[in-house]
Amino acid sequence: MNKVMLFVLTGLIHAALIAGPAYSAEKTESDVRIPAGMEVEKAGDVNIVVPKGGQLRREEGRIYLESTDEYASREFDTVAARLDRIEAEQKALGGEIVLLKEALDKKEDKK
């Protein structure tokens, strides 16, 4: 009788060990919480959580996430280009303000 109970108990333990991972593998994308500032990149059949704007590259069948230095350098270049564009727009608007002030002064002088 003890051998039968031991055999049944061993079978139940094996069933639990096999069914546990199979059950937990059924998670969908909506079940996974993505931290703030991160996004999911799809690389083939694999979903990888990367920083927003982070890039993946493939080399010899492997997938690499860009290093922190590469990410920071690329983001810095993006911010620098945006700042240059904003400064150019600001200069153009400054010129328009000067013209508007001159036009307003001329209009007031005529009165």
PDB file of N, CA and C in Angstrom:
ATOM      1  N   MET A   1       0.820  -1.190   0.000  1.00  0.00           N
ATOM      2  CA  MET A   1       0.000   0.000   0.000  1.00  0.00           C
ATOM      3  C   MET A   1       0.869   1.261   0.000  1.00  0.00           C
ATOM      4  N   ASN A   2       1.955   1.297   0.756  1.00  0.00           N
ATOM      5  CA  ASN A   2       2.838   2.454   0.808  1.00  0.00           C
ATOM      6  C   ASN A   2       3.493   2.710  -0.545  1.00  0.00           C
ATOM      7  N   LYS A   3       3.809   1.635  -1.262  1.00  0.00           N
ATOM      8  CA  LYS A   3       4.429   1.784  -2.574  1.00  0.00           C
ATOM      9  C   LYS A   3       3.437   2.409  -3.560  1.00  0.00           C
ATOM     10  N   VAL A   4       2.176   2.025  -3.444  1.00  0.00           N
ATOM     11  CA  VAL A   4       1.148   2.587  -4.323  1.00  0.00           C
ATOM     12  C   VAL A   4       0.974   4.076  -4.021  1.00  0.00           C
ATOM     13  N   MET A   5       0.911   4.453  -2.771  1.00  0.00           N
ATOM     14  CA  MET A   5       0.763   5.856  -2.371  1.00  0.00           C
ATOM     15  C   MET A   5       1.980   6.673  -2.827  1.00  0.00           C
ATOM     16  N   LEU A   6       3.167   6.114  -2.697  1.00  0.00           N
ATOM     17  CA  LEU A   6       4.381   6.787  -3.123  1.00  0.00           C
ATOM     18  C   LEU A   6       4.372   6.980  -4.641  1.00  0.00           C
ATOM     19  N   PHE A   7       3.916   5.969  -5.368  1.00  0.00           N
ATOM     20  CA  PHE A   7       3.832   6.048  -6.835  1.00  0.00           C
ATOM     21  C   PHE A   7       2.823   7.120  -7.252  1.00  0.00           C
ATOM     22  N   VAL A   8       1.660   7.155  -6.619  1.00  0.00           N
ATOM     23  CA  VAL A   8       0.631   8.152  -6.937  1.00  0.00           C
ATOM     24  C   VAL A   8       1.126   9.552  -6.589  1.00  0.00           C
ATOM     25  N   LEU A   9       1.752   9.712  -5.442  1.00  0.00           N
ATOM     26  CA  LEU A   9       2.274  11.008  -5.020  1.00  0.00           C
ATOM     27  C   LEU A   9       3.358  11.500  -5.981  1.00  0.00           C
ATOM     28  N   THR A  10       4.229  10.616  -6.401  1.00  0.00           N
ATOM     29  CA  THR A  10       5.272  10.968  -7.370  1.00  0.00           C
ATOM     30  C   THR A  10       4.643  11.395  -8.697  1.00  0.00           C
ATOM     31  N   GLY A  11       3.612  10.687  -9.127  1.00  0.00           N
ATOM     32  CA  GLY A  11       2.918  11.046 -10.368  1.00  0.00           C
ATOM     33  C   GLY A  11       2.268  12.413 -10.269  1.00  0.00           C
ATOM     34  N   LEU A  12       1.651  12.739  -9.134  1.00  0.00           N
ATOM     35  CA  LEU A  12       1.029  14.046  -8.944  1.00  0.00           C
ATOM     36  C   LEU A  12       2.065  15.167  -8.927  1.00  0.00           C
ATOM     37  N   ILE A  13       3.199  14.905  -8.307  1.00  0.00           N
ATOM     38  CA  ILE A  13       4.261  15.921  -8.277  1.00  0.00           C
ATOM     39  C   ILE A  13       4.779  16.187  -9.687  1.00  0.00           C
ATOM     40  N   HIS A  14       5.009  15.122 -10.456  1.00  0.00           N
ATOM     41  CA  HIS A  14       5.471  15.292 -11.835  1.00  0.00           C
ATOM     42  C   HIS A  14       4.433  16.050 -12.671  1.00  0.00           C
ATOM     43  N   ALA A  15       3.174  15.730 -12.492  1.00  0.00           N
ATOM     44  CA  ALA A  15       2.112  16.411 -13.239  1.00  0.00           C
ATOM     45  C   ALA A  15       2.082  17.895 -12.889  1.00  0.00           C
ATOM     46  N   ALA A  16       2.256  18.224 -11.619  1.00  0.00           N
ATOM     47  CA  ALA A  16       2.257  19.623 -11.189  1.00  0.00           C
ATOM     48  C   ALA A  16       3.465  20.365 -11.754  1.00  0.00           C
ATOM     49  N   LEU A  17       4.612  19.707 -11.781  1.00  0.00           N
ATOM     50  CA  LEU A  17       5.818  20.344 -12.312  1.00  0.00           C
ATOM     51  C   LEU A  17       5.722  20.588 -13.818  1.00  0.00           C
ATOM     52  N   ILE A  18       5.053  19.703 -14.532  1.00  0.00           N
ATOM     53  CA  ILE A  18       4.915  19.855 -15.977  1.00  0.00           C
ATOM     54  C   ILE A  18       3.811  20.858 -16.310  1.00  0.00           C
ATOM     55  N   ALA A  19       2.702  20.819 -15.605  1.00  0.00           N
ATOM     56  CA  ALA A  19       1.554  21.679 -15.905  1.00  0.00           C
ATOM     57  C   ALA A  19       1.791  23.120 -15.466  1.00  0.00           C
ATOM     58  N   GLY A  20       2.589  23.344 -14.431  1.00  0.00           N
ATOM     59  CA  GLY A  20       2.830  24.695 -13.914  1.00  0.00           C
ATOM     60  C   GLY A  20       3.416  25.627 -14.960  1.00  0.00           C
ATOM     61  N   PRO A  21       4.578  25.288 -15.540  1.00  0.00           N
ATOM     62  CA  PRO A  21       5.145  26.174 -16.563  1.00  0.00           C
ATOM     63  C   PRO A  21       4.264  26.290 -17.803  1.00  0.00           C
ATOM     64  N   ALA A  22       3.597  25.231 -18.171  1.00  0.00           N
ATOM     65  CA  ALA A  22       2.730  25.279 -19.352  1.00  0.00           C
ATOM     66  C   ALA A  22       1.577  26.247 -19.109  1.00  0.00           C
ATOM     67  N   TYR A  23       1.046  26.272 -17.911  1.00  0.00           N
ATOM     68  CA  TYR A  23      -0.051  27.182 -17.581  1.00  0.00           C
ATOM     69  C   TYR A  23       0.443  28.627 -17.549  1.00  0.00           C
ATOM     70  N   SER A  24       1.618  28.853 -16.948  1.00  0.00           N
ATOM     71  CA  SER A  24       2.113  30.222 -16.836  1.00  0.00           C
ATOM     72  C   SER A  24       2.598  30.760 -18.175  1.00  0.00           C
ATOM     73  N   ALA A  25       2.894  29.917 -19.143  1.00  0.00           N
ATOM     74  CA  ALA A  25       3.364  30.372 -20.453  1.00  0.00           C
ATOM     75  C   ALA A  25       2.230  30.919 -21.314  1.00  0.00           C
ATOM     76  N   GLU A  26       1.010  30.822 -20.848  1.00  0.00           N
ATOM     77  CA  GLU A  26      -0.132  31.271 -21.636  1.00  0.00           C
ATOM     78  C   GLU A  26      -0.439  32.751 -21.450  1.00  0.00           C
ATOM     79  N   LYS A  27       0.495  33.528 -20.931  1.00  0.00           N
ATOM     80  CA  LYS A  27       0.273  34.961 -20.729  1.00  0.00           C
ATOM     81  C   LYS A  27       0.216  35.665 -22.070  1.00  0.00           C
ATOM     82  N   THR A  28      -0.649  36.644 -22.160  1.00  0.00           N
ATOM     83  CA  THR A  28      -0.756  37.455 -23.365  1.00  0.00           C
ATOM     84  C   THR A  28      -0.041  38.776 -23.130  1.00  0.00           C
ATOM     85  N   GLU A  29       0.081  39.580 -24.175  1.00  0.00           N
ATOM     86  CA  GLU A  29       0.755  40.866 -24.041  1.00  0.00           C
ATOM     87  C   GLU A  29       0.035  41.784 -23.066  1.00  0.00           C
ATOM     88  N   SER A  30      -1.280  41.657 -22.975  1.00  0.00           N
ATOM     89  CA  SER A  30      -2.029  42.529 -22.068  1.00  0.00           C
ATOM     90  C   SER A  30      -1.791  42.163 -20.606  1.00  0.00           C
ATOM     91  N   ASP A  31      -1.270  40.958 -20.334  1.00  0.00           N
ATOM     92  CA  ASP A  31      -0.988  40.546 -18.963  1.00  0.00           C
ATOM     93  C   ASP A  31       0.337  41.101 -18.449  1.00  0.00           C
ATOM     94  N   VAL A  32       1.211  41.553 -19.340  1.00  0.00           N
ATOM     95  CA  VAL A  32       2.536  42.008 -18.963  1.00  0.00           C
ATOM     96  C   VAL A  32       2.508  43.522 -18.753  1.00  0.00           C
ATOM     97  N   ARG A  33       3.040  43.973 -17.617  1.00  0.00           N
ATOM     98  CA  ARG A  33       3.096  45.404 -17.327  1.00  0.00           C
ATOM     99  C   ARG A  33       4.411  45.968 -17.858  1.00  0.00           C
ATOM    100  N   ILE A  34       4.324  47.004 -18.652  1.00  0.00           N
ATOM    101  CA  ILE A  34       5.497  47.651 -19.214  1.00  0.00           C
ATOM    102  C   ILE A  34       5.831  48.858 -18.334  1.00  0.00           C
ATOM    103  N   PRO A  35       7.062  48.947 -17.818  1.00  0.00           N
ATOM    104  CA  PRO A  35       7.425  50.093 -16.973  1.00  0.00           C
ATOM    105  C   PRO A  35       7.353  51.410 -17.740  1.00  0.00           C
ATOM    106  N   ALA A  36       7.197  52.490 -16.999  1.00  0.00           N
ATOM    107  CA  ALA A  36       7.137  53.817 -17.613  1.00  0.00           C
ATOM    108  C   ALA A  36       8.442  54.092 -18.351  1.00  0.00           C
ATOM    109  N   GLY A  37       8.336  54.704 -19.523  1.00  0.00           N
ATOM    110  CA  GLY A  37       9.513  55.027 -20.308  1.00  0.00           C
ATOM    111  C   GLY A  37      10.040  53.873 -21.137  1.00  0.00           C
ATOM    112  N   MET A  38       9.321  52.762 -21.141  1.00  0.00           N
ATOM    113  CA  MET A  38       9.747  51.583 -21.889  1.00  0.00           C
ATOM    114  C   MET A  38       8.685  51.241 -22.924  1.00  0.00           C
ATOM    115  N   GLU A  39       9.076  50.470 -23.933  1.00  0.00           N
ATOM    116  CA  GLU A  39       8.150  50.002 -24.948  1.00  0.00           C
ATOM    117  C   GLU A  39       8.570  48.608 -25.393  1.00  0.00           C
ATOM    118  N   VAL A  40       7.674  47.919 -26.077  1.00  0.00           N
ATOM    119  CA  VAL A  40       7.947  46.566 -26.544  1.00  0.00           C
ATOM    120  C   VAL A  40       8.346  46.613 -28.014  1.00  0.00           C
ATOM    121  N   GLU A  41       9.509  46.058 -28.318  1.00  0.00           N
ATOM    122  CA  GLU A  41       9.977  45.929 -29.706  1.00  0.00           C
ATOM    123  C   GLU A  41       9.845  44.461 -30.088  1.00  0.00           C
ATOM    124  N   LYS A  42       9.303  44.208 -31.260  1.00  0.00           N
ATOM    125  CA  LYS A  42       9.147  42.838 -31.733  1.00  0.00           C
ATOM    126  C   LYS A  42      10.334  42.504 -32.632  1.00  0.00           C
ATOM    127  N   ALA A  43      11.028  41.433 -32.308  1.00  0.00           N
ATOM    128  CA  ALA A  43      12.171  40.967 -33.098  1.00  0.00           C
ATOM    129  C   ALA A  43      11.909  39.504 -33.446  1.00  0.00           C
ATOM    130  N   GLY A  44      11.319  39.286 -34.604  1.00  0.00           N
ATOM    131  CA  GLY A  44      10.954  37.922 -34.983  1.00  0.00           C
ATOM    132  C   GLY A  44       9.793  37.460 -34.130  1.00  0.00           C
ATOM    133  N   ASP A  45       9.979  36.352 -33.432  1.00  0.00           N
ATOM    134  CA  ASP A  45       8.940  35.810 -32.548  1.00  0.00           C
ATOM    135  C   ASP A  45       9.097  36.285 -31.114  1.00  0.00           C
ATOM    136  N   VAL A  46      10.071  37.144 -30.853  1.00  0.00           N
ATOM    137  CA  VAL A  46      10.399  37.557 -29.499  1.00  0.00           C
ATOM    138  C   VAL A  46       9.981  39.002 -29.276  1.00  0.00           C
ATOM    139  N   ASN A  47       9.379  39.271 -28.131  1.00  0.00           N
ATOM    140  CA  ASN A  47       9.059  40.642 -27.719  1.00  0.00           C
ATOM    141  C   ASN A  47      10.107  41.073 -26.702  1.00  0.00           C
ATOM    142  N   ILE A  48      10.747  42.223 -26.954  1.00  0.00           N
ATOM    143  CA  ILE A  48      11.811  42.704 -26.082  1.00  0.00           C
ATOM    144  C   ILE A  48      11.405  44.067 -25.547  1.00  0.00           C
ATOM    145  N   VAL A  49      11.538  44.262 -24.235  1.00  0.00           N
ATOM    146  CA  VAL A  49      11.225  45.545 -23.605  1.00  0.00           C
ATOM    147  C   VAL A  49      12.481  46.413 -23.670  1.00  0.00           C
ATOM    148  N   VAL A  50      12.358  47.579 -24.316  1.00  0.00           N
ATOM    149  CA  VAL A  50      13.485  48.494 -24.497  1.00  0.00           C
ATOM    150  C   VAL A  50      13.062  49.895 -24.084  1.00  0.00           C
ATOM    151  N   PRO A  51      14.023  50.785 -23.808  1.00  0.00           N
ATOM    152  CA  PRO A  51      13.660  52.173 -23.531  1.00  0.00           C
ATOM    153  C   PRO A  51      12.998  52.794 -24.754  1.00  0.00           C
ATOM    154  N   LYS A  52      12.071  53.736 -24.540  1.00  0.00           N
ATOM    155  CA  LYS A  52      11.416  54.389 -25.676  1.00  0.00           C
ATOM    156  C   LYS A  52      12.483  55.025 -26.558  1.00  0.00           C
ATOM    157  N   GLY A  53      12.409  54.714 -27.835  1.00  0.00           N
ATOM    158  CA  GLY A  53      13.404  55.218 -28.776  1.00  0.00           C
ATOM    159  C   GLY A  53      14.622  54.330 -28.896  1.00  0.00           C
ATOM    160  N   GLY A  54      14.722  53.313 -28.061  1.00  0.00           N
ATOM    161  CA  GLY A  54      15.857  52.388 -28.132  1.00  0.00           C
ATOM    162  C   GLY A  54      15.793  51.561 -29.402  1.00  0.00           C
ATOM    163  N   GLN A  55      16.954  51.173 -29.907  1.00  0.00           N
ATOM    164  CA  GLN A  55      16.997  50.423 -31.147  1.00  0.00           C
ATOM    165  C   GLN A  55      17.648  49.066 -30.942  1.00  0.00           C
ATOM    166  N   LEU A  56      17.166  48.103 -31.710  1.00  0.00           N
ATOM    167  CA  LEU A  56      17.748  46.766 -31.725  1.00  0.00           C
ATOM    168  C   LEU A  56      18.526  46.604 -33.016  1.00  0.00           C
ATOM    169  N   ARG A  57      19.584  45.813 -32.968  1.00  0.00           N
ATOM    170  CA  ARG A  57      20.297  45.491 -34.204  1.00  0.00           C
ATOM    171  C   ARG A  57      20.546  43.990 -34.237  1.00  0.00           C
ATOM    172  N   ARG A  58      20.589  43.472 -35.450  1.00  0.00           N
ATOM    173  CA  ARG A  58      20.808  42.035 -35.625  1.00  0.00           C
ATOM    174  C   ARG A  58      22.171  41.820 -36.259  1.00  0.00           C
ATOM    175  N   GLU A  59      22.947  40.941 -35.652  1.00  0.00           N
ATOM    176  CA  GLU A  59      24.257  40.572 -36.184  1.00  0.00           C
ATOM    177  C   GLU A  59      24.435  39.075 -36.029  1.00  0.00           C
ATOM    178  N   GLU A  60      24.670  38.405 -37.131  1.00  0.00           N
ATOM    179  CA  GLU A  60      24.936  36.971 -37.138  1.00  0.00           C
ATOM    180  C   GLU A  60      23.864  36.181 -36.390  1.00  0.00           C
ATOM    181  N   GLY A  61      22.620  36.543 -36.607  1.00  0.00           N
ATOM    182  CA  GLY A  61      21.523  35.808 -35.989  1.00  0.00           C
ATOM    183  C   GLY A  61      21.255  36.169 -34.537  1.00  0.00           C
ATOM    184  N   ARG A  62      21.989  37.116 -33.997  1.00  0.00           N
ATOM    185  CA  ARG A  62      21.774  37.541 -32.614  1.00  0.00           C
ATOM    186  C   ARG A  62      21.141  38.922 -32.617  1.00  0.00           C
ATOM    187  N   ILE A  63      20.390  39.212 -31.573  1.00  0.00           N
ATOM    188  CA  ILE A  63      19.731  40.506 -31.432  1.00  0.00           C
ATOM    189  C   ILE A  63      20.420  41.249 -30.296  1.00  0.00           C
ATOM    190  N   TYR A  64      20.874  42.471 -30.583  1.00  0.00           N
ATOM    191  CA  TYR A  64      21.551  43.290 -29.587  1.00  0.00           C
ATOM    192  C   TYR A  64      20.759  44.563 -29.350  1.00  0.00           C
ATOM    193  N   LEU A  65      20.646  44.952 -28.088  1.00  0.00           N
ATOM    194  CA  LEU A  65      20.082  46.247 -27.727  1.00  0.00           C
ATOM    195  C   LEU A  65      21.240  47.226 -27.699  1.00  0.00           C
ATOM    196  N   GLU A  66      21.032  48.417 -28.262  1.00  0.00           N
ATOM    197  CA  GLU A  66      22.128  49.381 -28.298  1.00  0.00           C
ATOM    198  C   GLU A  66      22.571  49.710 -26.876  1.00  0.00           C
ATOM    199  N   SER A  67      23.850  50.026 -26.730  1.00  0.00           N
ATOM    200  CA  SER A  67      24.394  50.317 -25.406  1.00  0.00           C
ATOM    201  C   SER A  67      23.870  51.653 -24.892  1.00  0.00           C
ATOM    202  N   THR A  68      24.074  51.907 -23.627  1.00  0.00           N
ATOM    203  CA  THR A  68      23.639  53.155 -23.013  1.00  0.00           C
ATOM    204  C   THR A  68      24.346  54.338 -23.672  1.00  0.00           C
ATOM    205  N   ASP A  69      25.628  54.168 -23.992  1.00  0.00           N
ATOM    206  CA  ASP A  69      26.380  55.249 -24.641  1.00  0.00           C
ATOM    207  C   ASP A  69      25.811  55.563 -26.022  1.00  0.00           C
ATOM    208  N   GLU A  70      25.500  54.526 -26.801  1.00  0.00           N
ATOM    209  CA  GLU A  70      24.931  54.739 -28.133  1.00  0.00           C
ATOM    210  C   GLU A  70      23.575  55.436 -28.037  1.00  0.00           C
ATOM    211  N   TYR A  71      22.748  54.965 -27.105  1.00  0.00           N
ATOM    212  CA  TYR A  71      21.416  55.546 -26.918  1.00  0.00           C
ATOM    213  C   TYR A  71      21.522  57.014 -26.513  1.00  0.00           C
ATOM    214  N   ALA A  72      22.375  57.302 -25.524  1.00  0.00           N
ATOM    215  CA  ALA A  72      22.520  58.675 -25.033  1.00  0.00           C
ATOM    216  C   ALA A  72      23.079  59.584 -26.129  1.00  0.00           C
ATOM    217  N   SER A  73      24.050  59.087 -26.888  1.00  0.00           N
ATOM    218  CA  SER A  73      24.642  59.884 -27.966  1.00  0.00           C
ATOM    219  C   SER A  73      23.613  60.207 -29.046  1.00  0.00           C
ATOM    220  N   ARG A  74      22.833  59.199 -29.445  1.00  0.00           N
ATOM    221  CA  ARG A  74      21.811  59.413 -30.465  1.00  0.00           C
ATOM    222  C   ARG A  74      20.741  60.384 -29.970  1.00  0.00           C
ATOM    223  N   GLU A  75      20.305  60.225 -28.724  1.00  0.00           N
ATOM    224  CA  GLU A  75      19.298  61.122 -28.160  1.00  0.00           C
ATOM    225  C   GLU A  75      19.846  62.543 -28.029  1.00  0.00           C
ATOM    226  N   PHE A  76      21.127  62.671 -27.670  1.00  0.00           N
ATOM    227  CA  PHE A  76      21.742  63.997 -27.567  1.00  0.00           C
ATOM    228  C   PHE A  76      21.765  64.676 -28.930  1.00  0.00           C
ATOM    229  N   ASP A  77      22.113  63.931 -29.976  1.00  0.00           N
ATOM    230  CA  ASP A  77      22.104  64.493 -31.329  1.00  0.00           C
ATOM    231  C   ASP A  77      20.706  64.953 -31.721  1.00  0.00           C
ATOM    232  N   THR A  78      19.693  64.176 -31.354  1.00  0.00           N
ATOM    233  CA  THR A  78      18.310  64.533 -31.660  1.00  0.00           C
ATOM    234  C   THR A  78      17.912  65.815 -30.934  1.00  0.00           C
ATOM    235  N   VAL A  79      18.280  65.910 -29.663  1.00  0.00           N
ATOM    236  CA  VAL A  79      17.947  67.095 -28.870  1.00  0.00           C
ATOM    237  C   VAL A  79      18.703  68.314 -29.395  1.00  0.00           C
ATOM    238  N   ALA A  80      19.967  68.136 -29.778  1.00  0.00           N
ATOM    239  CA  ALA A  80      20.756  69.253 -30.308  1.00  0.00           C
ATOM    240  C   ALA A  80      20.148  69.769 -31.612  1.00  0.00           C
ATOM    241  N   ALA A  81      19.724  68.881 -32.496  1.00  0.00           N
ATOM    242  CA  ALA A  81      19.091  69.299 -33.750  1.00  0.00           C
ATOM    243  C   ALA A  81      17.790  70.038 -33.479  1.00  0.00           C
ATOM    244  N   ARG A  82      17.028  69.544 -32.508  1.00  0.00           N
ATOM    245  CA  ARG A  82      15.765  70.202 -32.158  1.00  0.00           C
ATOM    246  C   ARG A  82      16.024  71.591 -31.576  1.00  0.00           C
ATOM    247  N   LEU A  83      17.043  71.715 -30.738  1.00  0.00           N
ATOM    248  CA  LEU A  83      17.396  73.010 -30.154  1.00  0.00           C
ATOM    249  C   LEU A  83      17.823  73.991 -31.239  1.00  0.00           C
ATOM    250  N   ASP A  84      18.608  73.535 -32.220  1.00  0.00           N
ATOM    251  CA  ASP A  84      19.015  74.402 -33.328  1.00  0.00           C
ATOM    252  C   ASP A  84      17.796  74.906 -34.103  1.00  0.00           C
ATOM    253  N   ARG A  85      16.835  74.013 -34.341  1.00  0.00           N
ATOM    254  CA  ARG A  85      15.625  74.396 -35.058  1.00  0.00           C
ATOM    255  C   ARG A  85      14.822  75.418 -34.255  1.00  0.00           C
ATOM    256  N   ILE A  86      14.713  75.220 -32.958  1.00  0.00           N
ATOM    257  CA  ILE A  86      13.964  76.145 -32.100  1.00  0.00           C
ATOM    258  C   ILE A  86      14.639  77.512 -32.082  1.00  0.00           C
ATOM    259  N   GLU A  87      15.976  77.537 -32.012  1.00  0.00           N
ATOM    260  CA  GLU A  87      16.698  78.818 -32.007  1.00  0.00           C
ATOM    261  C   GLU A  87      16.489  79.568 -33.318  1.00  0.00           C
ATOM    262  N   ALA A  88      16.504  78.840 -34.442  1.00  0.00           N
ATOM    263  CA  ALA A  88      16.273  79.496 -35.740  1.00  0.00           C
ATOM    264  C   ALA A  88      14.865  80.077 -35.800  1.00  0.00           C
ATOM    265  N   GLU A  89      13.870  79.340 -35.313  1.00  0.00           N
ATOM    266  CA  GLU A  89      12.498  79.839 -35.293  1.00  0.00           C
ATOM    267  C   GLU A  89      12.372  81.056 -34.389  1.00  0.00           C
ATOM    268  N   GLN A  90      13.086  81.018 -33.261  1.00  0.00           N
ATOM    269  CA  GLN A  90      13.041  82.134 -32.315  1.00  0.00           C
ATOM    270  C   GLN A  90      13.633  83.402 -32.947  1.00  0.00           C
ATOM    271  N   LYS A  91      14.735  83.258 -33.697  1.00  0.00           N
ATOM    272  CA  LYS A  91      15.330  84.426 -34.373  1.00  0.00           C
ATOM    273  C   LYS A  91      14.368  84.998 -35.408  1.00  0.00           C
ATOM    274  N   ALA A  92      13.700  84.112 -36.153  1.00  0.00           N
ATOM    275  CA  ALA A  92      12.744  84.575 -37.162  1.00  0.00           C
ATOM    276  C   ALA A  92      11.584  85.313 -36.497  1.00  0.00           C
ATOM    277  N   LEU A  93      11.102  84.787 -35.397  1.00  0.00           N
ATOM    278  CA  LEU A  93      10.001  85.441 -34.685  1.00  0.00           C
ATOM    279  C   LEU A  93      10.451  86.766 -34.088  1.00  0.00           C
ATOM    280  N   GLY A  94      11.701  86.823 -33.611  1.00  0.00           N
ATOM    281  CA  GLY A  94      12.240  88.082 -33.077  1.00  0.00           C
ATOM    282  C   GLY A  94      12.266  89.160 -34.137  1.00  0.00           C
ATOM    283  N   GLY A  95      12.666  88.772 -35.362  1.00  0.00           N
ATOM    284  CA  GLY A  95      12.663  89.735 -36.466  1.00  0.00           C
ATOM    285  C   GLY A  95      11.263  90.230 -36.783  1.00  0.00           C
ATOM    286  N   GLU A  96      10.297  89.349 -36.752  1.00  0.00           N
ATOM    287  CA  GLU A  96       8.914  89.733 -37.012  1.00  0.00           C
ATOM    288  C   GLU A  96       8.393  90.673 -35.926  1.00  0.00           C
ATOM    289  N   ILE A  97       8.798  90.447 -34.681  1.00  0.00           N
ATOM    290  CA  ILE A  97       8.363  91.318 -33.579  1.00  0.00           C
ATOM    291  C   ILE A  97       8.913  92.725 -33.776  1.00  0.00           C
ATOM    292  N   VAL A  98      10.184  92.825 -34.204  1.00  0.00           N
ATOM    293  CA  VAL A  98      10.781  94.136 -34.453  1.00  0.00           C
ATOM    294  C   VAL A  98      10.003  94.864 -35.548  1.00  0.00           C
ATOM    295  N   LEU A  99       9.674  94.152 -36.632  1.00  0.00           N
ATOM    296  CA  LEU A  99       8.906  94.772 -37.718  1.00  0.00           C
ATOM    297  C   LEU A  99       7.528  95.221 -37.239  1.00  0.00           C
ATOM    298  N   LEU A 100       6.877  94.409 -36.424  1.00  0.00           N
ATOM    299  CA  LEU A 100       5.557  94.788 -35.897  1.00  0.00           C
ATOM    300  C   LEU A 100       5.637  96.015 -34.989  1.00  0.00           C
ATOM    301  N   LYS A 101       6.700  96.084 -34.166  1.00  0.00           N
ATOM    302  CA  LYS A 101       6.879  97.256 -33.294  1.00  0.00           C
ATOM    303  C   LYS A 101       7.091  98.514 -34.122  1.00  0.00           C
ATOM    304  N   GLU A 102       7.908  98.406 -35.180  1.00  0.00           N
ATOM    305  CA  GLU A 102       8.151  99.556 -36.042  1.00  0.00           C
ATOM    306  C   GLU A 102       6.863 100.007 -36.726  1.00  0.00           C
ATOM    307  N   ALA A 103       6.081  99.049 -37.198  1.00  0.00           N
ATOM    308  CA  ALA A 103       4.812  99.381 -37.849  1.00  0.00           C
ATOM    309  C   ALA A 103       3.859 100.035 -36.857  1.00  0.00           C
ATOM    310  N   LEU A 104       3.828  99.554 -35.640  1.00  0.00           N
ATOM    311  CA  LEU A 104       2.961 100.119 -34.615  1.00  0.00           C
ATOM    312  C   LEU A 104       3.412 101.533 -34.251  1.00  0.00           C
ATOM    313  N   ASP A 105       4.729 101.746 -34.139  1.00  0.00           N
ATOM    314  CA  ASP A 105       5.250 103.081 -33.838  1.00  0.00           C
ATOM    315  C   ASP A 105       4.897 104.066 -34.943  1.00  0.00           C
ATOM    316  N   LYS A 106       5.016 103.652 -36.201  1.00  0.00           N
ATOM    317  CA  LYS A 106       4.683 104.522 -37.337  1.00  0.00           C
ATOM    318  C   LYS A 106       3.200 104.884 -37.309  1.00  0.00           C
ATOM    319  N   LYS A 107       2.377 103.900 -36.958  1.00  0.00           N
ATOM    320  CA  LYS A 107       0.934 104.122 -36.926  1.00  0.00           C
ATOM    321  C   LYS A 107       0.588 105.106 -35.806  1.00  0.00           C
ATOM    322  N   GLU A 108       1.264 104.995 -34.657  1.00  0.00           N
ATOM    323  CA  GLU A 108       1.003 105.892 -33.547  1.00  0.00           C
ATOM    324  C   GLU A 108       1.513 107.304 -33.841  1.00  0.00           C
ATOM    325  N   ASP A 109       2.639 107.381 -34.595  1.00  0.00           N
ATOM    326  CA  ASP A 109       3.184 108.707 -34.945  1.00  0.00           C
ATOM    327  C   ASP A 109       2.243 109.448 -35.880  1.00  0.00           C
ATOM    328  N   LYS A 110       1.520 108.742 -36.735  1.00  0.00           N
ATOM    329  CA  LYS A 110       0.591 109.371 -37.670  1.00  0.00           C
ATOM    330  C   LYS A 110      -0.609 109.976 -36.946  1.00  0.00           C
ATOM    331  N   LYS A 111      -0.952 109.466 -35.774  1.00  0.00           N
ATOM    332  CA  LYS A 111      -2.121 109.973 -35.044  1.00  0.00           C
ATOM    333  C   LYS A 111      -1.804 111.250 -34.410  1.00  0.00           C
TER     334      LYS A 111
END
